[in-house]
Amino acid sequence: MEKALEYKEIKMEYYEHSDVIRNKITILQQEIAVLKSRIQEHGTGHIHTAISVIDHRIAELTEEFAEAQKQRNR
């Protein structure tokens, strides 16, 4: 009985972790949209850099999400 409870707790942890990752990705995508709306013809190179960094973080989180999904399906 104890093992079944432990397994259930681990399984729930993956569900929660996946939800957190999905929420982070959504928020970062929204932030990119805001930053893109602030780009001007000159003087906004820092915004382009920020978008690039956030895009990279989204890619990392997407990989992490895929891994969490694999763990969840075990």
Protein backbone atom coordinates (compact mmCIF):
# COMPACT_ATOMS: atom_id res chain seq x y z
CA MET A 1 0.00 0.00 0.00
CA GLU A 2 2.83 2.39 0.85
CA LYS A 3 4.43 1.96 -2.59
CA ALA A 4 1.14 2.74 -4.35
CA LEU A 5 0.81 5.96 -2.38
CA GLU A 6 4.41 6.90 -3.14
CA TYR A 7 3.85 6.24 -6.86
CA LYS A 8 0.68 8.35 -6.83
CA GLU A 9 2.54 11.25 -5.17
CA ILE A 10 5.33 11.06 -7.74
CA LYS A 11 2.81 10.94 -10.59
CA MET A 12 1.02 14.03 -9.21
CA GLU A 13 4.36 15.83 -8.94
CA TYR A 14 4.90 15.41 -12.69
CA TYR A 15 1.42 16.74 -13.43
CA GLU A 16 2.09 19.82 -11.31
CA HIS A 17 5.53 20.30 -12.82
CA SER A 18 4.11 20.12 -16.35
CA ASP A 19 1.48 22.72 -15.49
CA VAL A 20 4.11 25.08 -14.10
CA ILE A 21 6.27 24.72 -17.20
CA ARG A 22 3.29 25.28 -19.51
CA ASN A 23 2.35 28.43 -17.58
CA LYS A 24 5.91 29.77 -17.77
CA ILE A 25 5.98 29.23 -21.54
CA THR A 26 2.66 31.03 -21.97
CA ILE A 27 3.79 34.00 -19.87
CA LEU A 28 7.09 34.28 -21.73
CA GLN A 29 5.27 34.18 -25.08
CA GLN A 30 3.04 37.01 -23.88
CA GLU A 31 6.09 39.01 -22.83
CA ILE A 32 7.63 38.55 -26.27
CA ALA A 33 4.45 39.95 -27.82
CA VAL A 34 4.71 43.02 -25.59
CA LEU A 35 8.37 43.51 -26.44
CA LYS A 36 7.72 43.16 -30.17
CA SER A 37 5.12 45.90 -29.93
CA ARG A 38 7.83 48.23 -28.53
CA ILE A 39 10.34 47.75 -31.34
CA GLN A 40 11.15 50.91 -33.25
CA GLU A 41 13.34 51.61 -36.25
CA HIS A 42 16.28 52.79 -34.13
CA GLY A 43 17.51 52.40 -30.59
CA THR A 44 15.78 49.19 -29.62
CA GLY A 45 18.57 46.66 -30.05
CA HIS A 46 18.24 45.78 -26.38
CA ILE A 47 14.66 44.71 -27.04
CA HIS A 48 15.79 42.42 -29.86
CA THR A 49 18.35 40.93 -27.47
CA ALA A 50 15.71 40.40 -24.79
CA ILE A 51 13.43 38.66 -27.29
CA SER A 52 16.27 36.37 -28.34
CA VAL A 53 17.07 35.45 -24.73
CA ILE A 54 13.42 34.76 -23.95
CA ASP A 55 13.07 32.65 -27.12
CA HIS A 56 16.03 30.58 -25.96
CA ARG A 57 14.43 30.12 -22.53
CA ILE A 58 11.17 29.00 -24.17
CA ALA A 59 13.12 26.38 -26.12
CA GLU A 60 14.69 25.12 -22.86
CA LEU A 61 11.31 24.96 -21.17
CA THR A 62 9.80 23.16 -24.15
CA GLU A 63 12.45 20.45 -23.82
CA GLU A 64 11.84 20.29 -20.08
CA PHE A 65 8.10 19.98 -20.71
CA ALA A 66 8.66 17.11 -23.15
CA GLU A 67 10.79 15.33 -20.55
CA ALA A 68 8.16 15.86 -17.86
CA GLN A 69 5.54 14.41 -20.23
CA LYS A 70 7.72 11.32 -20.75
CA GLN A 71 8.08 10.89 -17.00
CA ARG A 72 4.36 11.37 -16.52
CA ASN A 73 3.53 8.64 -19.02
CA ARG A 74 5.73 6.05 -17.31
